[in-house]
């Protein structure tokens, strides 16, 4: 018995089918081989995401933003406004995408530093809040 498909697999298939597009047509539009697209749609690996350049190509071909495709796949990337970026969530996403199981990235140390940098303001605010509560 096969495992349940990954969130990305389900999202990719759903968006492709909603547009009435075959895997072959999606392959033509993205430059990604049809067999690779088939594997993407049938992957049961939890947390699976293809390499960033393929996600971008798929999003363009499916006429959705990368953020929408990633959200469809079950990754919570939310902002309170169009201009606000949730850096801690983005850092977590980047770590999982670039440094997750089976992923090898030449700049893995840079990704880790970015993640620490992105989380620093929230950590400082949390520390300040804890100090304020202790003084009260």
Protein backbone atom coordinates (compact mmCIF):
# COMPACT_ATOMS: atom_id res chain seq x y z
CA UNK A 1 0.00 0.00 0.00
CA UNK A 2 1.42 3.37 -1.02
CA UNK A 3 1.66 6.24 1.46
CA UNK A 4 -0.39 9.39 1.20
CA UNK A 5 0.83 11.90 -1.36
CA UNK A 6 2.82 14.90 -0.16
CA UNK A 7 1.09 18.26 0.08
CA UNK A 8 3.09 19.54 -2.86
CA UNK A 9 2.12 16.52 -4.98
CA UNK A 10 -1.57 17.06 -4.29
CA UNK A 11 -1.34 20.81 -4.91
CA UNK A 12 0.55 20.44 -8.17
CA UNK A 13 -1.88 17.87 -9.56
CA UNK A 14 -4.93 19.86 -8.43
CA UNK A 15 -3.71 23.13 -9.96
CA UNK A 16 -2.68 21.42 -13.21
CA UNK A 17 -6.02 19.65 -13.55
CA UNK A 18 -7.98 22.82 -12.69
CA UNK A 19 -6.35 24.42 -15.72
CA UNK A 20 -7.17 21.43 -17.92
CA UNK A 21 -3.48 20.91 -18.53
CA UNK A 22 -1.75 17.61 -19.23
CA UNK A 23 1.58 16.71 -17.71
CA UNK A 24 3.03 16.89 -21.22
CA UNK A 25 1.80 20.48 -21.68
CA UNK A 26 3.12 21.47 -18.25
CA UNK A 27 6.46 19.94 -19.23
CA UNK A 28 6.53 22.04 -22.41
CA UNK A 29 5.77 25.24 -20.50
CA UNK A 30 8.30 24.63 -17.72
CA UNK A 31 11.15 22.81 -19.42
CA UNK A 32 10.81 20.10 -16.75
CA UNK A 33 10.67 16.58 -18.18
CA UNK A 34 7.20 14.98 -18.07
CA UNK A 35 8.53 12.00 -16.07
CA UNK A 36 9.86 14.43 -13.46
CA UNK A 37 6.46 16.12 -13.24
CA UNK A 38 4.85 12.69 -12.84
CA UNK A 39 7.25 11.89 -9.98
CA UNK A 40 6.47 15.28 -8.40
CA UNK A 41 2.75 14.50 -8.51
CA UNK A 42 3.23 11.03 -7.04
CA UNK A 43 5.71 11.69 -4.23
CA UNK A 44 4.66 10.54 -0.77
CA UNK A 45 7.70 12.01 1.02
CA UNK A 46 6.49 14.29 3.80
CA UNK A 47 7.70 17.87 3.40
CA UNK A 48 8.73 17.31 -0.23
CA UNK A 49 9.39 20.37 -2.37
CA UNK A 50 11.25 20.36 -5.68
CA UNK A 51 14.27 22.62 -6.16
CA UNK A 52 13.47 26.36 -6.09
CA UNK A 53 13.97 26.92 -9.84
CA UNK A 54 11.42 24.20 -10.60
CA UNK A 55 8.87 25.62 -8.14
CA UNK A 56 9.22 29.02 -9.85
CA UNK A 57 8.80 27.46 -13.32
CA UNK A 58 5.73 25.49 -12.19
CA UNK A 59 4.13 28.53 -10.56
CA UNK A 60 4.60 30.60 -13.72
CA UNK A 61 3.19 27.87 -15.96
CA UNK A 62 0.19 27.38 -13.65
CA UNK A 63 -0.33 31.16 -13.44
CA UNK A 64 -0.06 31.33 -9.66
CA UNK A 65 2.45 33.03 -7.41
CA UNK A 66 5.19 30.95 -5.84
CA UNK A 67 3.68 31.83 -2.44
CA UNK A 68 0.26 30.54 -3.54
CA UNK A 69 1.73 27.28 -4.85
CA UNK A 70 3.69 26.79 -1.64
CA UNK A 71 0.63 27.62 0.52
CA UNK A 72 -1.44 25.15 -1.54
CA UNK A 73 1.20 22.57 -0.66
CA UNK A 74 0.55 23.14 3.04
CA UNK A 75 3.37 25.48 3.97
CA UNK A 76 1.98 28.37 6.05
CA UNK A 77 3.50 31.52 4.62
CA UNK A 78 1.24 34.27 5.88
CA UNK A 79 1.64 38.02 6.26
CA UNK A 80 -0.61 40.57 7.93
CA UNK A 81 -0.29 42.91 4.94
CA UNK A 82 0.97 42.81 1.39
CA UNK A 83 4.16 44.63 2.42
CA UNK A 84 4.88 42.81 5.66
CA UNK A 85 7.03 39.71 5.53
CA UNK A 86 6.98 37.13 8.30
CA UNK A 87 10.76 36.61 8.44
CA UNK A 88 10.74 33.81 11.04
CA UNK A 89 8.23 31.83 8.94
CA UNK A 90 10.24 32.54 5.80
CA UNK A 91 13.42 31.38 7.54
CA UNK A 92 11.77 28.14 8.64
CA UNK A 93 10.51 27.57 5.11
CA UNK A 94 13.96 28.28 3.63
CA UNK A 95 15.61 25.87 6.04
CA UNK A 96 13.13 23.08 5.27
CA UNK A 97 13.30 23.70 1.54
CA UNK A 98 17.05 24.12 1.18
CA UNK A 99 18.35 22.04 4.07
CA UNK A 100 15.63 19.44 4.57
CA UNK A 101 15.92 15.68 4.09
CA UNK A 102 17.55 14.83 0.79
CA UNK A 103 18.44 18.45 0.05
CA UNK A 104 22.00 19.58 -0.43
CA UNK A 105 22.73 23.26 -0.81
CA UNK A 106 26.19 24.73 -1.42
CA UNK A 107 25.37 27.72 0.77
CA UNK A 108 23.86 25.81 3.69
CA UNK A 109 25.80 27.91 6.21
CA UNK A 110 24.45 31.09 4.60
CA UNK A 111 20.91 29.73 4.93
CA UNK A 112 21.49 29.00 8.63
CA UNK A 113 22.88 32.51 9.20
CA UNK A 114 19.90 34.03 7.38
CA UNK A 115 17.53 31.99 9.54
CA UNK A 116 19.22 33.19 12.73
CA UNK A 117 19.13 36.78 11.48
CA UNK A 118 15.47 36.52 10.51
CA UNK A 119 14.47 35.14 13.91
CA UNK A 120 16.52 37.62 15.95
CA UNK A 121 13.93 40.46 16.16
CA UNK A 122 11.19 38.09 17.36
CA UNK A 123 13.55 36.53 19.89
CA UNK A 124 14.59 39.98 21.18
CA UNK A 125 10.95 41.06 21.45
CA UNK A 126 10.10 37.87 23.33
CA UNK A 127 13.01 38.45 25.72
CA UNK A 128 11.95 42.09 26.28
CA UNK A 129 8.36 41.00 26.91
CA UNK A 130 9.57 38.47 29.48
CA UNK A 131 11.63 41.15 31.24
CA UNK A 132 8.68 43.56 31.24
CA UNK A 133 6.40 40.92 32.76
CA UNK A 134 8.96 40.19 35.50
CA UNK A 135 9.13 43.88 36.49
CA UNK A 136 5.35 44.15 36.90
